[in-house]
Amino acid sequence: MIKKYLKWIIPIAVILAIIIYLFSSSGISDIATDYAQSYADTELYENALDKAKSNKRVTELLGEIEPIDKLAILEGHVNYSNDNKTVNSSIRIRGNKMKAIMDISANREDNVWNYEKINIRVKNPPEKKQTVEVIPL
């Protein structure tokens, strides 16, 4: 009976081996690791959001800013480097007036994030398109 299924098992095993090889060598695993790290590291985003909320121009533009949800982190962009001690990230934020993108550049020292840059970018509506530098580079 095994001989009957052997003609299917070998090609499937070869295809799976090729897929695993391509996944591990393409860098996709690094991207997946970065997203998993950012999903677990809520302090990075919460502290940055608190700094944005304390900026008068941001609150005038966006209104009351909602807490960041986990889906926003997965929809965004993240790149960790330097043994996960440096991060560049972009994440969607929402206020009661409009939505925006928060760009973050930060370094971790002694388990504390030090922010080098926090920008809030408004893209829509086009007539309100602008960037507010909360912490300029």
N, C-alpha and C. Protein backbone atom coordinates (compact mmCIF):
# COMPACT_ATOMS: atom_id res chain seq x y z
N MET A 1 0.81 -1.19 0.00
CA MET A 1 0.00 0.00 0.00
C MET A 1 0.87 1.27 0.00
N ILE A 2 2.00 1.23 0.67
CA ILE A 2 2.89 2.39 0.71
C ILE A 2 3.42 2.69 -0.68
N LYS A 3 3.71 1.68 -1.46
CA LYS A 3 4.20 1.88 -2.82
C LYS A 3 3.20 2.67 -3.66
N LYS A 4 1.94 2.47 -3.38
CA LYS A 4 0.88 3.16 -4.11
C LYS A 4 0.95 4.68 -3.87
N TYR A 5 1.26 5.08 -2.63
CA TYR A 5 1.31 6.50 -2.28
C TYR A 5 2.70 7.10 -2.43
N LEU A 6 3.70 6.26 -2.63
CA LEU A 6 5.08 6.73 -2.74
C LEU A 6 5.26 7.69 -3.90
N LYS A 7 4.55 7.46 -5.00
CA LYS A 7 4.68 8.36 -6.15
C LYS A 7 4.13 9.76 -5.85
N TRP A 8 3.33 9.93 -4.80
CA TRP A 8 2.84 11.25 -4.39
C TRP A 8 3.66 11.84 -3.24
N ILE A 9 4.13 11.00 -2.36
CA ILE A 9 4.85 11.48 -1.18
C ILE A 9 6.18 12.12 -1.57
N ILE A 10 6.92 11.51 -2.47
CA ILE A 10 8.24 12.04 -2.85
C ILE A 10 8.13 13.41 -3.51
N PRO A 11 7.27 13.62 -4.52
CA PRO A 11 7.17 14.96 -5.11
C PRO A 11 6.70 16.02 -4.12
N ILE A 12 5.76 15.66 -3.26
CA ILE A 12 5.27 16.62 -2.25
C ILE A 12 6.39 16.98 -1.28
N ALA A 13 7.18 16.01 -0.86
CA ALA A 13 8.30 16.27 0.05
C ALA A 13 9.33 17.17 -0.62
N VAL A 14 9.61 16.94 -1.89
CA VAL A 14 10.57 17.78 -2.62
C VAL A 14 10.04 19.22 -2.73
N ILE A 15 8.78 19.37 -3.06
CA ILE A 15 8.19 20.72 -3.18
C ILE A 15 8.22 21.44 -1.84
N LEU A 16 7.87 20.76 -0.77
CA LEU A 16 7.93 21.37 0.56
C LEU A 16 9.36 21.77 0.93
N ALA A 17 10.33 20.94 0.60
CA ALA A 17 11.73 21.27 0.88
C ALA A 17 12.16 22.51 0.11
N ILE A 18 11.73 22.63 -1.13
CA ILE A 18 12.06 23.82 -1.94
C ILE A 18 11.41 25.06 -1.34
N ILE A 19 10.16 24.96 -0.94
CA ILE A 19 9.46 26.11 -0.34
C ILE A 19 10.14 26.55 0.94
N ILE A 20 10.50 25.60 1.78
CA ILE A 20 11.19 25.93 3.04
C ILE A 20 12.54 26.59 2.75
N TYR A 21 13.27 26.08 1.79
CA TYR A 21 14.55 26.68 1.42
C TYR A 21 14.37 28.11 0.92
N LEU A 22 13.40 28.33 0.04
CA LEU A 22 13.17 29.66 -0.50
C LEU A 22 12.74 30.63 0.60
N PHE A 23 11.90 30.18 1.50
CA PHE A 23 11.45 31.03 2.60
C PHE A 23 12.61 31.43 3.51
N SER A 24 13.47 30.48 3.83
CA SER A 24 14.57 30.78 4.75
C SER A 24 15.68 31.59 4.09
N SER A 25 15.85 31.48 2.79
CA SER A 25 16.95 32.20 2.14
C SER A 25 16.52 33.53 1.52
N SER A 26 15.23 33.81 1.46
CA SER A 26 14.77 35.02 0.77
C SER A 26 14.71 36.25 1.66
N GLY A 27 14.85 36.09 2.95
CA GLY A 27 14.75 37.24 3.84
C GLY A 27 13.34 37.45 4.36
N ILE A 28 12.39 36.67 3.89
CA ILE A 28 11.03 36.80 4.38
C ILE A 28 10.96 36.47 5.87
N SER A 29 11.80 35.54 6.30
CA SER A 29 11.79 35.18 7.72
C SER A 29 12.25 36.37 8.57
N ASP A 30 13.18 37.19 8.06
CA ASP A 30 13.61 38.39 8.79
C ASP A 30 12.47 39.38 8.92
N ILE A 31 11.72 39.55 7.85
CA ILE A 31 10.58 40.46 7.88
C ILE A 31 9.54 39.97 8.88
N ALA A 32 9.26 38.67 8.85
CA ALA A 32 8.30 38.09 9.79
C ALA A 32 8.77 38.28 11.23
N THR A 33 10.07 38.12 11.46
CA THR A 33 10.63 38.32 12.80
C THR A 33 10.48 39.77 13.25
N ASP A 34 10.72 40.72 12.36
CA ASP A 34 10.56 42.14 12.69
C ASP A 34 9.12 42.46 13.09
N TYR A 35 8.16 41.93 12.33
CA TYR A 35 6.76 42.18 12.66
C TYR A 35 6.37 41.53 13.98
N ALA A 36 6.87 40.34 14.24
CA ALA A 36 6.58 39.69 15.51
C ALA A 36 7.16 40.49 16.67
N GLN A 37 8.36 41.00 16.49
CA GLN A 37 9.00 41.82 17.53
C GLN A 37 8.21 43.10 17.77
N SER A 38 7.79 43.77 16.71
CA SER A 38 7.05 45.02 16.88
C SER A 38 5.67 44.78 17.48
N TYR A 39 5.07 43.65 17.16
CA TYR A 39 3.76 43.30 17.72
C TYR A 39 3.87 43.10 19.22
N ALA A 40 4.99 42.54 19.67
CA ALA A 40 5.20 42.29 21.10
C ALA A 40 5.70 43.53 21.84
N ASP A 41 6.32 44.46 21.13
CA ASP A 41 6.94 45.63 21.76
C ASP A 41 5.98 46.83 21.73
N THR A 42 4.91 46.75 22.49
CA THR A 42 3.91 47.82 22.47
C THR A 42 4.43 49.12 23.10
N GLU A 43 5.40 49.02 23.98
CA GLU A 43 5.96 50.20 24.63
C GLU A 43 6.52 51.20 23.62
N LEU A 44 7.14 50.69 22.57
CA LEU A 44 7.69 51.54 21.51
C LEU A 44 6.62 52.46 20.94
N TYR A 45 5.47 51.91 20.61
CA TYR A 45 4.40 52.67 19.98
C TYR A 45 3.61 53.51 20.98
N GLU A 46 3.38 52.97 22.17
CA GLU A 46 2.61 53.71 23.16
C GLU A 46 3.33 54.98 23.60
N ASN A 47 4.63 54.88 23.84
CA ASN A 47 5.40 56.06 24.25
C ASN A 47 5.47 57.10 23.12
N ALA A 48 5.64 56.63 21.89
CA ALA A 48 5.67 57.54 20.75
C ALA A 48 4.32 58.23 20.58
N LEU A 49 3.25 57.48 20.77
CA LEU A 49 1.91 58.05 20.65
C LEU A 49 1.66 59.08 21.75
N ASP A 50 2.15 58.82 22.95
CA ASP A 50 2.02 59.80 24.03
C ASP A 50 2.74 61.11 23.69
N LYS A 51 3.91 60.99 23.09
CA LYS A 51 4.64 62.19 22.67
C LYS A 51 3.87 62.94 21.59
N ALA A 52 3.26 62.20 20.67
CA ALA A 52 2.47 62.84 19.61
C ALA A 52 1.24 63.52 20.19
N LYS A 53 0.59 62.88 21.15
CA LYS A 53 -0.60 63.46 21.78
C LYS A 53 -0.28 64.75 22.53
N SER A 54 0.94 64.88 23.01
CA SER A 54 1.32 66.09 23.75
C SER A 54 1.69 67.24 22.82
N ASN A 55 1.75 66.99 21.51
CA ASN A 55 2.05 68.04 20.54
C ASN A 55 0.76 68.75 20.15
N LYS A 56 0.72 70.05 20.39
CA LYS A 56 -0.49 70.85 20.15
C LYS A 56 -0.93 70.80 18.69
N ARG A 57 0.00 70.90 17.78
CA ARG A 57 -0.34 70.89 16.34
C ARG A 57 -0.97 69.57 15.92
N VAL A 58 -0.46 68.46 16.45
CA VAL A 58 -1.00 67.14 16.13
C VAL A 58 -2.43 67.02 16.63
N THR A 59 -2.68 67.45 17.86
CA THR A 59 -4.04 67.33 18.40
C THR A 59 -5.01 68.28 17.70
N GLU A 60 -4.55 69.44 17.26
CA GLU A 60 -5.41 70.33 16.48
C GLU A 60 -5.79 69.68 15.15
N LEU A 61 -4.85 69.01 14.55
CA LEU A 61 -5.05 68.40 13.23
C LEU A 61 -5.87 67.12 13.29
N LEU A 62 -5.51 66.22 14.21
CA LEU A 62 -6.15 64.90 14.26
C LEU A 62 -7.29 64.82 15.25
N GLY A 63 -7.32 65.70 16.22
CA GLY A 63 -8.31 65.59 17.28
C GLY A 63 -7.83 64.63 18.35
N GLU A 64 -8.77 64.00 19.04
CA GLU A 64 -8.42 63.04 20.08
C GLU A 64 -7.94 61.76 19.41
N ILE A 65 -6.72 61.36 19.73
CA ILE A 65 -6.09 60.21 19.08
C ILE A 65 -6.45 58.93 19.82
N GLU A 66 -6.88 57.93 19.06
CA GLU A 66 -7.25 56.63 19.61
C GLU A 66 -6.01 55.82 19.93
N PRO A 67 -6.13 54.86 20.87
CA PRO A 67 -5.00 53.95 21.13
C PRO A 67 -4.69 53.13 19.86
N ILE A 68 -3.45 52.70 19.76
CA ILE A 68 -3.01 51.92 18.60
C ILE A 68 -3.51 50.50 18.76
N ASP A 69 -4.16 50.00 17.72
CA ASP A 69 -4.60 48.61 17.76
C ASP A 69 -3.55 47.71 17.12
N LYS A 70 -3.63 46.43 17.43
CA LYS A 70 -2.63 45.46 16.95
C LYS A 70 -2.63 45.33 15.43
N LEU A 71 -3.79 45.51 14.80
CA LEU A 71 -3.86 45.41 13.34
C LEU A 71 -3.07 46.55 12.69
N ALA A 72 -3.07 47.73 13.30
CA ALA A 72 -2.32 48.86 12.75
C ALA A 72 -0.83 48.55 12.71
N ILE A 73 -0.34 47.82 13.70
CA ILE A 73 1.08 47.45 13.72
C ILE A 73 1.39 46.50 12.55
N LEU A 74 0.52 45.54 12.32
CA LEU A 74 0.74 44.59 11.23
C LEU A 74 0.57 45.24 9.86
N GLU A 75 -0.26 46.27 9.76
CA GLU A 75 -0.45 46.97 8.49
C GLU A 75 0.71 47.90 8.17
N GLY A 76 1.45 48.28 9.18
CA GLY A 76 2.52 49.26 9.00
C GLY A 76 3.79 48.65 8.44
N HIS A 77 4.86 49.40 8.60
CA HIS A 77 6.19 48.99 8.13
C HIS A 77 7.11 49.02 9.35
N VAL A 78 7.98 48.03 9.46
CA VAL A 78 8.92 48.00 10.57
C VAL A 78 10.22 47.37 10.12
N ASN A 79 11.33 47.92 10.63
CA ASN A 79 12.65 47.38 10.32
C ASN A 79 13.53 47.52 11.57
N TYR A 80 13.83 46.39 12.19
CA TYR A 80 14.74 46.37 13.33
C TYR A 80 16.15 46.10 12.82
N SER A 81 17.13 46.67 13.50
CA SER A 81 18.53 46.41 13.17
C SER A 81 19.34 46.53 14.45
N ASN A 82 20.64 46.33 14.34
CA ASN A 82 21.54 46.48 15.47
C ASN A 82 21.10 45.61 16.65
N ASP A 83 20.86 44.33 16.39
CA ASP A 83 20.42 43.38 17.42
C ASP A 83 19.11 43.82 18.09
N ASN A 84 18.19 44.29 17.30
CA ASN A 84 16.87 44.78 17.76
C ASN A 84 16.97 45.97 18.70
N LYS A 85 18.04 46.74 18.60
CA LYS A 85 18.19 47.93 19.43
C LYS A 85 17.90 49.21 18.66
N THR A 86 17.72 49.11 17.36
CA THR A 86 17.38 50.25 16.51
C THR A 86 16.16 49.87 15.69
N VAL A 87 15.22 50.80 15.58
CA VAL A 87 14.01 50.51 14.82
C VAL A 87 13.62 51.73 13.99
N ASN A 88 13.13 51.46 12.79
CA ASN A 88 12.48 52.44 11.94
C ASN A 88 11.12 51.85 11.61
N SER A 89 10.07 52.61 11.89
CA SER A 89 8.74 52.07 11.72
C SER A 89 7.77 53.14 11.27
N SER A 90 6.72 52.72 10.57
CA SER A 90 5.61 53.58 10.20
C SER A 90 4.33 52.83 10.57
N ILE A 91 3.41 53.55 11.19
CA ILE A 91 2.18 52.92 11.67
C ILE A 91 1.01 53.88 11.50
N ARG A 92 -0.14 53.32 11.23
CA ARG A 92 -1.36 54.12 11.07
C ARG A 92 -1.88 54.52 12.45
N ILE A 93 -2.28 55.79 12.56
CA ILE A 93 -2.95 56.25 13.77
C ILE A 93 -4.24 56.95 13.37
N ARG A 94 -5.19 56.98 14.30
CA ARG A 94 -6.49 57.60 14.03
C ARG A 94 -6.84 58.59 15.11
N GLY A 95 -7.34 59.73 14.66
CA GLY A 95 -7.92 60.70 15.56
C GLY A 95 -9.40 60.81 15.24
N ASN A 96 -10.14 61.57 16.05
CA ASN A 96 -11.56 61.68 15.75
C ASN A 96 -11.84 62.64 14.59
N LYS A 97 -10.81 63.34 14.11
CA LYS A 97 -10.97 64.21 12.94
C LYS A 97 -10.46 63.57 11.66
N MET A 98 -9.33 62.87 11.73
CA MET A 98 -8.74 62.25 10.53
C MET A 98 -7.69 61.23 10.91
N LYS A 99 -7.22 60.49 9.90
CA LYS A 99 -6.18 59.48 10.06
C LYS A 99 -4.83 60.05 9.61
N ALA A 100 -3.76 59.40 10.08
CA ALA A 100 -2.41 59.81 9.69
C ALA A 100 -1.47 58.61 9.84
N ILE A 101 -0.23 58.84 9.44
CA ILE A 101 0.83 57.84 9.59
C ILE A 101 1.86 58.41 10.57
N MET A 102 2.28 57.60 11.53
CA MET A 102 3.32 58.02 12.47
C MET A 102 4.60 57.30 12.10
N ASP A 103 5.64 58.07 11.78
CA ASP A 103 6.97 57.54 11.47
C ASP A 103 7.84 57.64 12.72
N ILE A 104 8.51 56.54 13.04
CA ILE A 104 9.32 56.49 14.26
C ILE A 104 10.72 56.00 13.92
N SER A 105 11.73 56.66 14.48
CA SER A 105 13.11 56.16 14.49
C SER A 105 13.56 56.21 15.93
N ALA A 106 14.01 55.07 16.45
CA ALA A 106 14.37 55.03 17.87
C ALA A 106 15.50 54.04 18.11
N ASN A 107 16.19 54.25 19.21
CA ASN A 107 17.25 53.35 19.68
C ASN A 107 16.93 52.92 21.10
N ARG A 108 17.19 51.66 21.39
CA ARG A 108 16.95 51.14 22.74
C ARG A 108 18.27 51.13 23.51
N GLU A 109 18.25 51.79 24.66
CA GLU A 109 19.41 51.81 25.55
C GLU A 109 18.92 51.50 26.95
N ASP A 110 19.49 50.48 27.57
CA ASP A 110 19.08 50.05 28.91
C ASP A 110 17.58 49.79 28.99
N ASN A 111 17.05 49.10 27.99
CA ASN A 111 15.63 48.73 27.90
C ASN A 111 14.68 49.92 27.86
N VAL A 112 15.17 51.07 27.42
CA VAL A 112 14.33 52.27 27.26
C VAL A 112 14.51 52.76 25.83
N TRP A 113 13.39 53.07 25.16
CA TRP A 113 13.44 53.59 23.80
C TRP A 113 13.74 55.08 23.84
N ASN A 114 14.80 55.49 23.13
CA ASN A 114 15.14 56.90 22.94
C ASN A 114 14.78 57.25 21.50
N TYR A 115 13.85 58.18 21.35
CA TYR A 115 13.33 58.51 20.02
C TYR A 115 14.19 59.56 19.35
N GLU A 116 14.64 59.24 18.14
CA GLU A 116 15.39 60.20 17.34
C GLU A 116 14.47 61.03 16.48
N LYS A 117 13.37 60.38 16.02
CA LYS A 117 12.43 61.08 15.14
C LYS A 117 11.04 60.52 15.36
N ILE A 118 10.06 61.42 15.45
CA ILE A 118 8.65 61.06 15.39
C ILE A 118 7.98 62.09 14.51
N ASN A 119 7.47 61.63 13.38
CA ASN A 119 6.74 62.50 12.45
C ASN A 119 5.32 61.98 12.30
N ILE A 120 4.39 62.90 12.17
CA ILE A 120 3.01 62.55 11.87
C ILE A 120 2.73 63.07 10.46
N ARG A 121 2.37 62.13 9.55
CA ARG A 121 2.10 62.49 8.16
C ARG A 121 0.62 62.35 7.86
N VAL A 122 0.03 63.43 7.36
CA VAL A 122 -1.36 63.41 6.91
C VAL A 122 -1.32 63.40 5.39
N LYS A 123 -1.98 62.39 4.79
CA LYS A 123 -1.98 62.28 3.33
C LYS A 123 -3.34 62.62 2.73
N ASN A 124 -4.40 62.30 3.45
CA ASN A 124 -5.75 62.55 2.94
C ASN A 124 -6.55 63.32 3.99
N PRO A 125 -7.30 64.27 3.60
CA PRO A 125 -7.56 64.75 2.26
C PRO A 125 -6.34 65.52 1.71
N PRO A 126 -6.17 65.54 0.39
CA PRO A 126 -4.99 66.16 -0.22
C PRO A 126 -4.78 67.62 0.18
N GLU A 127 -5.85 68.35 0.42
CA GLU A 127 -5.68 69.77 0.79
C GLU A 127 -5.11 69.94 2.19
N LYS A 128 -5.13 68.89 3.01
CA LYS A 128 -4.55 68.95 4.36
C LYS A 128 -3.25 68.16 4.45
N LYS A 129 -2.71 67.75 3.31
CA LYS A 129 -1.48 66.96 3.28
C LYS A 129 -0.34 67.75 3.91
N GLN A 130 0.29 67.13 4.94
CA GLN A 130 1.39 67.79 5.63
C GLN A 130 2.10 66.80 6.56
N THR A 131 3.26 67.23 7.05
CA THR A 131 4.01 66.45 8.02
C THR A 131 4.28 67.32 9.24
N VAL A 132 3.97 66.79 10.40
CA VAL A 132 4.25 67.49 11.67
C VAL A 132 5.39 66.76 12.34
N GLU A 133 6.46 67.48 12.63
CA GLU A 133 7.62 66.90 13.30
C GLU A 133 7.42 67.01 14.80
N VAL A 134 7.12 65.88 15.45
CA VAL A 134 6.97 65.85 16.90
C VAL A 134 8.34 65.90 17.53
N ILE A 135 9.23 65.03 17.06
CA ILE A 135 10.64 65.05 17.43
C ILE A 135 11.40 65.10 16.11
N PRO A 136 11.95 66.24 15.75
CA PRO A 136 12.65 66.33 14.46
C PRO A 136 13.96 65.56 14.47
N LEU A 137 14.35 65.13 13.30
CA LEU A 137 15.61 64.38 13.13
C LEU A 137 16.79 65.30 13.28
